[in-house]
Amino acid sequence: MLPIDQVQLHFNPATLAGLNVILGLVMFGIALDLRWPTFALLQVPQRGWCWRRWATTSSFRP
């Protein structure tokens, strides 16, 4: 076991509430940047799938 695995963090309730708010704002900011074509990355590629053909379609927006 590495020494970093033994580290314990202790937060008081006020600090924990603040961290939850900050984490929520970060997650909300990331969610605002997501678009429907992004979820196409989660689909399982069909037979005959080609990276080059997928990357050149108009729905691909990095």
N, C-alpha and C. Protein backbone atom coordinates (compact mmCIF):
# COMPACT_ATOMS: atom_id res chain seq x y z
N MET A 1 0.84 -1.18 0.00
CA MET A 1 0.00 0.00 0.00
C MET A 1 0.90 1.25 0.00
N LEU A 2 0.59 2.17 -0.87
CA LEU A 2 1.37 3.40 -0.97
C LEU A 2 0.98 4.37 0.14
N PRO A 3 1.88 5.26 0.51
CA PRO A 3 1.56 6.24 1.56
C PRO A 3 0.36 7.14 1.18
N ILE A 4 0.18 7.41 -0.10
CA ILE A 4 -0.94 8.27 -0.51
C ILE A 4 -2.28 7.59 -0.25
N ASP A 5 -2.30 6.26 -0.21
CA ASP A 5 -3.53 5.53 0.05
C ASP A 5 -3.97 5.65 1.50
N GLN A 6 -3.09 6.06 2.37
CA GLN A 6 -3.40 6.16 3.79
C GLN A 6 -3.84 7.56 4.19
N VAL A 7 -3.86 8.50 3.26
CA VAL A 7 -4.26 9.87 3.57
C VAL A 7 -5.75 9.92 3.81
N GLN A 8 -6.15 10.60 4.88
CA GLN A 8 -7.56 10.79 5.20
C GLN A 8 -7.85 12.28 5.25
N LEU A 9 -8.91 12.70 4.59
CA LEU A 9 -9.32 14.10 4.60
C LEU A 9 -10.53 14.24 5.51
N HIS A 10 -10.50 15.24 6.36
CA HIS A 10 -11.61 15.49 7.29
C HIS A 10 -12.16 16.88 6.99
N PHE A 11 -13.44 16.95 6.64
CA PHE A 11 -14.09 18.21 6.35
C PHE A 11 -15.18 18.48 7.38
N ASN A 12 -15.31 19.73 7.80
CA ASN A 12 -16.44 20.04 8.66
C ASN A 12 -17.66 20.29 7.76
N PRO A 13 -18.86 20.24 8.29
CA PRO A 13 -20.06 20.35 7.45
C PRO A 13 -20.14 21.62 6.61
N ALA A 14 -19.67 22.75 7.12
CA ALA A 14 -19.72 24.00 6.36
C ALA A 14 -18.80 23.93 5.13
N THR A 15 -17.61 23.39 5.33
CA THR A 15 -16.67 23.25 4.22
C THR A 15 -17.19 22.25 3.20
N LEU A 16 -17.79 21.18 3.67
CA LEU A 16 -18.33 20.16 2.78
C LEU A 16 -19.46 20.73 1.92
N ALA A 17 -20.31 21.56 2.52
CA ALA A 17 -21.39 22.20 1.76
C ALA A 17 -20.82 23.11 0.68
N GLY A 18 -19.77 23.85 1.03
CA GLY A 18 -19.12 24.72 0.04
C GLY A 18 -18.51 23.93 -1.10
N LEU A 19 -17.87 22.83 -0.78
CA LEU A 19 -17.29 21.97 -1.83
C LEU A 19 -18.38 21.38 -2.72
N ASN A 20 -19.51 21.02 -2.13
CA ASN A 20 -20.62 20.49 -2.93
C ASN A 20 -21.15 21.54 -3.90
N VAL A 21 -21.24 22.79 -3.46
CA VAL A 21 -21.72 23.86 -4.34
C VAL A 21 -20.73 24.08 -5.48
N ILE A 22 -19.45 24.11 -5.16
CA ILE A 22 -18.43 24.32 -6.20
C ILE A 22 -18.44 23.16 -7.20
N LEU A 23 -18.52 21.93 -6.69
CA LEU A 23 -18.56 20.77 -7.58
C LEU A 23 -19.81 20.80 -8.46
N GLY A 24 -20.94 21.21 -7.90
CA GLY A 24 -22.16 21.33 -8.68
C GLY A 24 -22.03 22.36 -9.78
N LEU A 25 -21.40 23.48 -9.50
CA LEU A 25 -21.19 24.52 -10.53
C LEU A 25 -20.27 24.03 -11.64
N VAL A 26 -19.24 23.28 -11.28
CA VAL A 26 -18.33 22.74 -12.29
C VAL A 26 -19.07 21.75 -13.18
N MET A 27 -19.86 20.87 -12.57
CA MET A 27 -20.62 19.89 -13.35
C MET A 27 -21.65 20.58 -14.25
N PHE A 28 -22.28 21.62 -13.75
CA PHE A 28 -23.25 22.36 -14.55
C PHE A 28 -22.56 23.05 -15.73
N GLY A 29 -21.39 23.60 -15.50
CA GLY A 29 -20.64 24.23 -16.58
C GLY A 29 -20.24 23.24 -17.66
N ILE A 30 -19.87 22.04 -17.25
CA ILE A 30 -19.53 21.01 -18.23
C ILE A 30 -20.78 20.60 -19.00
N ALA A 31 -21.90 20.47 -18.30
CA ALA A 31 -23.14 20.06 -18.95
C ALA A 31 -23.60 21.10 -19.98
N LEU A 32 -23.32 22.37 -19.74
CA LEU A 32 -23.71 23.41 -20.71
C LEU A 32 -22.94 23.27 -22.02
N ASP A 33 -21.76 22.69 -21.96
CA ASP A 33 -20.93 22.56 -23.15
C ASP A 33 -21.27 21.31 -23.97
N LEU A 34 -22.06 20.39 -23.42
CA LEU A 34 -22.39 19.16 -24.14
C LEU A 34 -23.45 19.42 -25.19
N ARG A 35 -23.33 18.78 -26.32
CA ARG A 35 -24.31 18.85 -27.40
C ARG A 35 -24.72 17.44 -27.77
N TRP A 36 -25.83 17.27 -28.47
CA TRP A 36 -26.33 15.94 -28.84
C TRP A 36 -25.32 15.13 -29.64
N PRO A 37 -24.58 15.70 -30.58
CA PRO A 37 -23.60 14.87 -31.31
C PRO A 37 -22.52 14.28 -30.39
N THR A 38 -22.29 14.90 -29.25
CA THR A 38 -21.30 14.36 -28.31
C THR A 38 -21.74 12.98 -27.82
N PHE A 39 -23.04 12.78 -27.65
CA PHE A 39 -23.52 11.50 -27.16
C PHE A 39 -23.40 10.40 -28.21
N ALA A 40 -23.19 10.77 -29.46
CA ALA A 40 -22.99 9.77 -30.51
C ALA A 40 -21.70 9.00 -30.26
N LEU A 41 -20.78 9.58 -29.50
CA LEU A 41 -19.53 8.89 -29.19
C LEU A 41 -19.77 7.67 -28.30
N LEU A 42 -20.91 7.62 -27.61
CA LEU A 42 -21.21 6.51 -26.71
C LEU A 42 -21.81 5.32 -27.44
N GLN A 43 -22.23 5.51 -28.67
CA GLN A 43 -22.85 4.42 -29.41
C GLN A 43 -21.81 3.39 -29.82
N VAL A 44 -22.23 2.16 -29.87
CA VAL A 44 -21.34 1.08 -30.31
C VAL A 44 -21.22 1.16 -31.83
N PRO A 45 -20.01 1.17 -32.35
CA PRO A 45 -19.85 1.25 -33.80
C PRO A 45 -20.47 0.05 -34.50
N GLN A 46 -21.11 0.33 -35.62
CA GLN A 46 -21.73 -0.74 -36.39
C GLN A 46 -20.68 -1.42 -37.27
N ARG A 47 -21.08 -2.50 -37.88
CA ARG A 47 -20.19 -3.23 -38.76
C ARG A 47 -19.76 -2.33 -39.93
N GLY A 48 -18.51 -2.35 -40.25
CA GLY A 48 -18.02 -1.53 -41.34
C GLY A 48 -17.72 -0.10 -40.93
N TRP A 49 -17.66 0.13 -39.64
CA TRP A 49 -17.40 1.48 -39.13
C TRP A 49 -15.98 1.90 -39.48
N CYS A 50 -15.83 3.13 -39.88
CA CYS A 50 -14.53 3.63 -40.29
C CYS A 50 -14.27 4.96 -39.60
N TRP A 51 -13.15 5.08 -38.89
CA TRP A 51 -12.84 6.31 -38.18
C TRP A 51 -12.77 7.50 -39.13
N ARG A 52 -12.14 7.32 -40.26
CA ARG A 52 -11.98 8.44 -41.19
C ARG A 52 -13.33 8.93 -41.70
N ARG A 53 -14.25 8.02 -42.00
CA ARG A 53 -15.56 8.42 -42.48
C ARG A 53 -16.34 9.11 -41.36
N TRP A 54 -16.21 8.62 -40.12
CA TRP A 54 -16.92 9.22 -38.99
C TRP A 54 -16.39 10.63 -38.70
N ALA A 55 -15.09 10.82 -38.76
CA ALA A 55 -14.48 12.11 -38.42
C ALA A 55 -14.75 13.17 -39.47
N THR A 56 -15.13 12.76 -40.68
CA THR A 56 -15.35 13.75 -41.72
C THR A 56 -16.82 14.10 -41.90
N THR A 57 -17.70 13.52 -41.10
CA THR A 57 -19.13 13.85 -41.23
C THR A 57 -19.38 15.23 -40.64
N SER A 58 -20.47 15.84 -41.06
CA SER A 58 -20.77 17.19 -40.61
C SER A 58 -21.21 17.24 -39.16
N SER A 59 -21.64 16.12 -38.57
CA SER A 59 -22.07 16.14 -37.18
C SER A 59 -20.89 16.08 -36.20
N PHE A 60 -19.68 15.85 -36.70
CA PHE A 60 -18.51 15.77 -35.84
C PHE A 60 -18.03 17.18 -35.51
N ARG A 61 -18.09 17.52 -34.22
CA ARG A 61 -17.61 18.83 -33.77
C ARG A 61 -16.74 18.61 -32.54
N PRO A 62 -15.42 18.73 -32.67
CA PRO A 62 -14.53 18.47 -31.53
C PRO A 62 -14.70 19.52 -30.44
